[in-house]
Amino acid sequence: MNKLLIGMDQLSFFNNEDNIRPITRSFKLEDINVIGIGLDILRDRMKPEGENYIGSCPFQHIDTHPSFYLRQKNFYICYGCGAFGGPFSLLFRLTSHSDALDYLKKNFDVDISNKQDLTRLKVCIYSEKERLGSIDYVPLEYQ
């Protein structure tokens, strides 16, 4: 069966473990994806389950059964602790403020010292907030 692995640096399409062909792609901030971020940061903790990924929750609670999901519909949810959000809240929740900004700069060429990039970031975060109803863990200066 063919699989599509999505990473922030490249896409790889393969038929089996021995036949990996990288496809270079530039990522736009507007296309940021919770699965891509989750797999980049959580790596071995997540396992595929259909179109989604499931694993133990990275947040501070005891997780005896996998309860944390990265959903194809671009949100994460933990049925153990109730954590919920989109790609930006996941990024800022799992990393330090400076690491989150470094990640955005490396993978999406976002430099917050550039006024246009900062505005673009704020628009994308606002869009996530409108779509999901709230946005936790993202610093107020970007909302």
C-alpha atoms as a PDB file:
ATOM      1  CA  MET A   1       0.000   0.000   0.000  1.00  0.00           C
ATOM      2  CA  ASN A   2       1.279   3.486  -0.829  1.00  0.00           C
ATOM      3  CA  LYS A   3       1.805   5.913   2.028  1.00  0.00           C
ATOM      4  CA  LEU A   4       2.479   9.620   2.156  1.00  0.00           C
ATOM      5  CA  LEU A   5       4.810  10.820   4.908  1.00  0.00           C
ATOM      6  CA  ILE A   6       4.523  14.535   5.589  1.00  0.00           C
ATOM      7  CA  GLY A   7       7.476  16.250   7.196  1.00  0.00           C
ATOM      8  CA  MET A   8       8.178  19.942   7.361  1.00  0.00           C
ATOM      9  CA  ASP A   9      11.301  19.749   5.172  1.00  0.00           C
ATOM     10  CA  GLN A  10      10.042  17.448   2.440  1.00  0.00           C
ATOM     11  CA  LEU A  11       7.370  15.028   1.345  1.00  0.00           C
ATOM     12  CA  SER A  12       8.367  11.427   0.769  1.00  0.00           C
ATOM     13  CA  PHE A  13       6.272   9.034  -1.281  1.00  0.00           C
ATOM     14  CA  PHE A  14       7.132   5.369  -1.013  1.00  0.00           C
ATOM     15  CA  ASN A  15       5.788   1.918  -1.862  1.00  0.00           C
ATOM     16  CA  ASN A  16       7.918   0.095   0.680  1.00  0.00           C
ATOM     17  CA  GLU A  17      10.724   0.838   3.117  1.00  0.00           C
ATOM     18  CA  ASP A  18      13.415   0.426   0.425  1.00  0.00           C
ATOM     19  CA  ASN A  19      11.921   2.756  -2.180  1.00  0.00           C
ATOM     20  CA  ILE A  20      11.877   6.279  -0.725  1.00  0.00           C
ATOM     21  CA  ARG A  21      11.746   9.176  -3.185  1.00  0.00           C
ATOM     22  CA  PRO A  22      11.877  12.655  -1.618  1.00  0.00           C
ATOM     23  CA  ILE A  23       9.761  15.363  -3.232  1.00  0.00           C
ATOM     24  CA  THR A  24      10.923  18.860  -2.361  1.00  0.00           C
ATOM     25  CA  ARG A  25       8.121  21.276  -1.573  1.00  0.00           C
ATOM     26  CA  SER A  26       8.056  24.761  -0.177  1.00  0.00           C
ATOM     27  CA  PHE A  27       5.642  25.126   2.692  1.00  0.00           C
ATOM     28  CA  LYS A  28       3.523  28.196   3.185  1.00  0.00           C
ATOM     29  CA  LEU A  29       2.547  29.351   6.639  1.00  0.00           C
ATOM     30  CA  GLU A  30      -1.092  29.286   5.559  1.00  0.00           C
ATOM     31  CA  ASP A  31      -0.747  25.521   4.954  1.00  0.00           C
ATOM     32  CA  ILE A  32       0.598  24.717   8.438  1.00  0.00           C
ATOM     33  CA  ASN A  33      -0.650  21.319   9.545  1.00  0.00           C
ATOM     34  CA  VAL A  34      -1.104  19.867  13.034  1.00  0.00           C
ATOM     35  CA  ILE A  35       0.003  16.404  11.874  1.00  0.00           C
ATOM     36  CA  GLY A  36       3.230  17.749  10.369  1.00  0.00           C
ATOM     37  CA  ILE A  37       4.071  19.685  13.525  1.00  0.00           C
ATOM     38  CA  GLY A  38       3.044  16.833  15.803  1.00  0.00           C
ATOM     39  CA  LEU A  39       5.147  14.288  13.932  1.00  0.00           C
ATOM     40  CA  ASP A  40       8.128  16.648  13.774  1.00  0.00           C
ATOM     41  CA  ILE A  41       8.093  17.259  17.520  1.00  0.00           C
ATOM     42  CA  LEU A  42       6.651  14.037  18.945  1.00  0.00           C
ATOM     43  CA  ARG A  43       8.204  11.631  16.404  1.00  0.00           C
ATOM     44  CA  ASP A  44       8.211   8.125  17.930  1.00  0.00           C
ATOM     45  CA  ARG A  45       5.292   8.792  20.272  1.00  0.00           C
ATOM     46  CA  MET A  46       2.680   8.827  17.479  1.00  0.00           C
ATOM     47  CA  LYS A  47       1.400   5.914  15.382  1.00  0.00           C
ATOM     48  CA  PRO A  48      -0.859   6.076  12.319  1.00  0.00           C
ATOM     49  CA  GLU A  49      -4.518   5.205  12.763  1.00  0.00           C
ATOM     50  CA  GLY A  50      -6.320   5.619   9.451  1.00  0.00           C
ATOM     51  CA  GLU A  51      -5.861   9.236   8.338  1.00  0.00           C
ATOM     52  CA  ASN A  52      -5.035  10.329  11.897  1.00  0.00           C
ATOM     53  CA  TYR A  53      -2.254   9.665  14.401  1.00  0.00           C
ATOM     54  CA  ILE A  54      -2.638   8.429  17.975  1.00  0.00           C
ATOM     55  CA  GLY A  55      -0.239   8.264  20.894  1.00  0.00           C
ATOM     56  CA  SER A  56       0.264   8.951  24.555  1.00  0.00           C
ATOM     57  CA  CYS A  57      -0.441  12.526  25.564  1.00  0.00           C
ATOM     58  CA  PRO A  58       2.625  14.797  25.760  1.00  0.00           C
ATOM     59  CA  PHE A  59       1.009  16.936  28.445  1.00  0.00           C
ATOM     60  CA  GLN A  60       1.137  16.468  32.206  1.00  0.00           C
ATOM     61  CA  HIS A  61      -1.224  13.603  33.016  1.00  0.00           C
ATOM     62  CA  ILE A  62      -0.995   9.844  33.392  1.00  0.00           C
ATOM     63  CA  ASP A  63      -1.895   8.205  30.102  1.00  0.00           C
ATOM     64  CA  THR A  64      -2.337   4.443  30.497  1.00  0.00           C
ATOM     65  CA  HIS A  65      -3.881   4.083  27.019  1.00  0.00           C
ATOM     66  CA  PRO A  66      -3.137   6.284  24.001  1.00  0.00           C
ATOM     67  CA  SER A  67      -5.581   9.170  24.208  1.00  0.00           C
ATOM     68  CA  PHE A  68      -3.861  11.909  22.174  1.00  0.00           C
ATOM     69  CA  TYR A  69      -4.898  12.320  18.538  1.00  0.00           C
ATOM     70  CA  LEU A  70      -3.523  14.389  15.679  1.00  0.00           C
ATOM     71  CA  ARG A  71      -6.544  14.716  13.402  1.00  0.00           C
ATOM     72  CA  GLN A  72      -6.499  15.069   9.620  1.00  0.00           C
ATOM     73  CA  LYS A  73      -8.982  17.941  10.023  1.00  0.00           C
ATOM     74  CA  ASN A  74      -6.055  19.999  11.401  1.00  0.00           C
ATOM     75  CA  PHE A  75      -6.561  19.841  15.158  1.00  0.00           C
ATOM     76  CA  TYR A  76      -5.279  17.814  18.092  1.00  0.00           C
ATOM     77  CA  ILE A  77      -7.294  16.444  20.983  1.00  0.00           C
ATOM     78  CA  CYS A  78      -6.564  14.431  24.106  1.00  0.00           C
ATOM     79  CA  TYR A  79      -9.480  12.448  25.474  1.00  0.00           C
ATOM     80  CA  GLY A  80      -7.599  11.981  28.764  1.00  0.00           C
ATOM     81  CA  CYS A  81      -6.928  15.583  29.807  1.00  0.00           C
ATOM     82  CA  GLY A  82      -9.144  17.502  27.376  1.00  0.00           C
ATOM     83  CA  ALA A  83      -6.295  19.321  25.589  1.00  0.00           C
ATOM     84  CA  PHE A  84      -7.511  20.653  22.246  1.00  0.00           C
ATOM     85  CA  GLY A  85      -6.246  23.031  19.592  1.00  0.00           C
ATOM     86  CA  GLY A  86      -4.715  23.621  16.209  1.00  0.00           C
ATOM     87  CA  PRO A  87      -1.203  23.674  14.831  1.00  0.00           C
ATOM     88  CA  PHE A  88      -0.115  26.975  16.376  1.00  0.00           C
ATOM     89  CA  SER A  89      -1.335  26.146  19.870  1.00  0.00           C
ATOM     90  CA  LEU A  90       0.340  22.708  19.605  1.00  0.00           C
ATOM     91  CA  LEU A  91       3.625  24.258  18.506  1.00  0.00           C
ATOM     92  CA  PHE A  92       3.676  26.870  21.272  1.00  0.00           C
ATOM     93  CA  ARG A  93       2.487  24.350  23.879  1.00  0.00           C
ATOM     94  CA  LEU A  94       5.124  21.708  23.060  1.00  0.00           C
ATOM     95  CA  THR A  95       8.092  24.044  22.643  1.00  0.00           C
ATOM     96  CA  SER A  96       9.490  27.154  24.241  1.00  0.00           C
ATOM     97  CA  HIS A  97       8.579  30.525  22.767  1.00  0.00           C
ATOM     98  CA  SER A  98      11.995  30.920  21.118  1.00  0.00           C
ATOM     99  CA  ASP A  99      11.994  27.332  19.797  1.00  0.00           C
ATOM    100  CA  ALA A 100       8.538  27.863  18.275  1.00  0.00           C
ATOM    101  CA  LEU A 101       9.736  31.002  16.502  1.00  0.00           C
ATOM    102  CA  ASP A 102      12.892  29.195  15.318  1.00  0.00           C
ATOM    103  CA  TYR A 103      10.721  26.364  13.992  1.00  0.00           C
ATOM    104  CA  LEU A 104       8.519  28.820  12.082  1.00  0.00           C
ATOM    105  CA  LYS A 105      11.574  30.571  10.672  1.00  0.00           C
ATOM    106  CA  LYS A 106      13.294  27.345   9.592  1.00  0.00           C
ATOM    107  CA  ASN A 107      10.249  25.608   8.125  1.00  0.00           C
ATOM    108  CA  PHE A 108       8.085  28.484   6.914  1.00  0.00           C
ATOM    109  CA  ASP A 109      10.599  31.307   6.454  1.00  0.00           C
ATOM    110  CA  VAL A 110       8.758  33.475   9.002  1.00  0.00           C
ATOM    111  CA  ASP A 111      10.853  36.235  10.562  1.00  0.00           C
ATOM    112  CA  ILE A 112       8.805  38.102  13.172  1.00  0.00           C
ATOM    113  CA  SER A 113      11.142  41.095  12.964  1.00  0.00           C
ATOM    114  CA  ASN A 114       9.706  41.557   9.455  1.00  0.00           C
ATOM    115  CA  LYS A 115       6.367  43.398   9.722  1.00  0.00           C
ATOM    116  CA  GLN A 116       4.811  41.485   6.797  1.00  0.00           C
ATOM    117  CA  ASP A 117       5.788  38.118   8.276  1.00  0.00           C
ATOM    118  CA  LEU A 118       4.458  39.119  11.689  1.00  0.00           C
ATOM    119  CA  THR A 119       1.164  40.210  10.129  1.00  0.00           C
ATOM    120  CA  ARG A 120       0.956  36.939   8.173  1.00  0.00           C
ATOM    121  CA  LEU A 121       1.567  34.977  11.375  1.00  0.00           C
ATOM    122  CA  LYS A 122      -1.128  36.911  13.231  1.00  0.00           C
ATOM    123  CA  VAL A 123      -3.636  36.365  10.409  1.00  0.00           C
ATOM    124  CA  CYS A 124      -2.963  32.606  10.397  1.00  0.00           C
ATOM    125  CA  ILE A 125      -3.286  32.408  14.187  1.00  0.00           C
ATOM    126  CA  TYR A 126      -6.508  34.445  14.075  1.00  0.00           C
ATOM    127  CA  SER A 127      -7.844  32.064  11.415  1.00  0.00           C
ATOM    128  CA  GLU A 128      -7.067  29.088  13.683  1.00  0.00           C
ATOM    129  CA  LYS A 129      -8.813  30.829  16.578  1.00  0.00           C
ATOM    130  CA  GLU A 130     -11.909  31.488  14.461  1.00  0.00           C
ATOM    131  CA  ARG A 131     -11.985  27.918  13.155  1.00  0.00           C
ATOM    132  CA  LEU A 132     -11.578  26.214  16.540  1.00  0.00           C
ATOM    133  CA  GLY A 133     -13.175  28.758  18.849  1.00  0.00           C
ATOM    134  CA  SER A 134     -10.121  29.352  21.016  1.00  0.00           C
ATOM    135  CA  ILE A 135      -6.355  29.372  20.884  1.00  0.00           C
ATOM    136  CA  ASP A 136      -4.487  28.498  24.040  1.00  0.00           C
ATOM    137  CA  TYR A 137      -0.759  28.763  24.651  1.00  0.00           C
ATOM    138  CA  VAL A 138      -0.064  31.189  21.798  1.00  0.00           C
ATOM    139  CA  PRO A 139       1.480  34.376  23.230  1.00  0.00           C
ATOM    140  CA  LEU A 140      -0.892  37.334  23.167  1.00  0.00           C
ATOM    141  CA  GLU A 141       1.437  39.423  21.008  1.00  0.00           C
ATOM    142  CA  TYR A 142       0.715  37.042  18.098  1.00  0.00           C
ATOM    143  CA  GLN A 143      -3.051  36.916  18.526  1.00  0.00           C
END
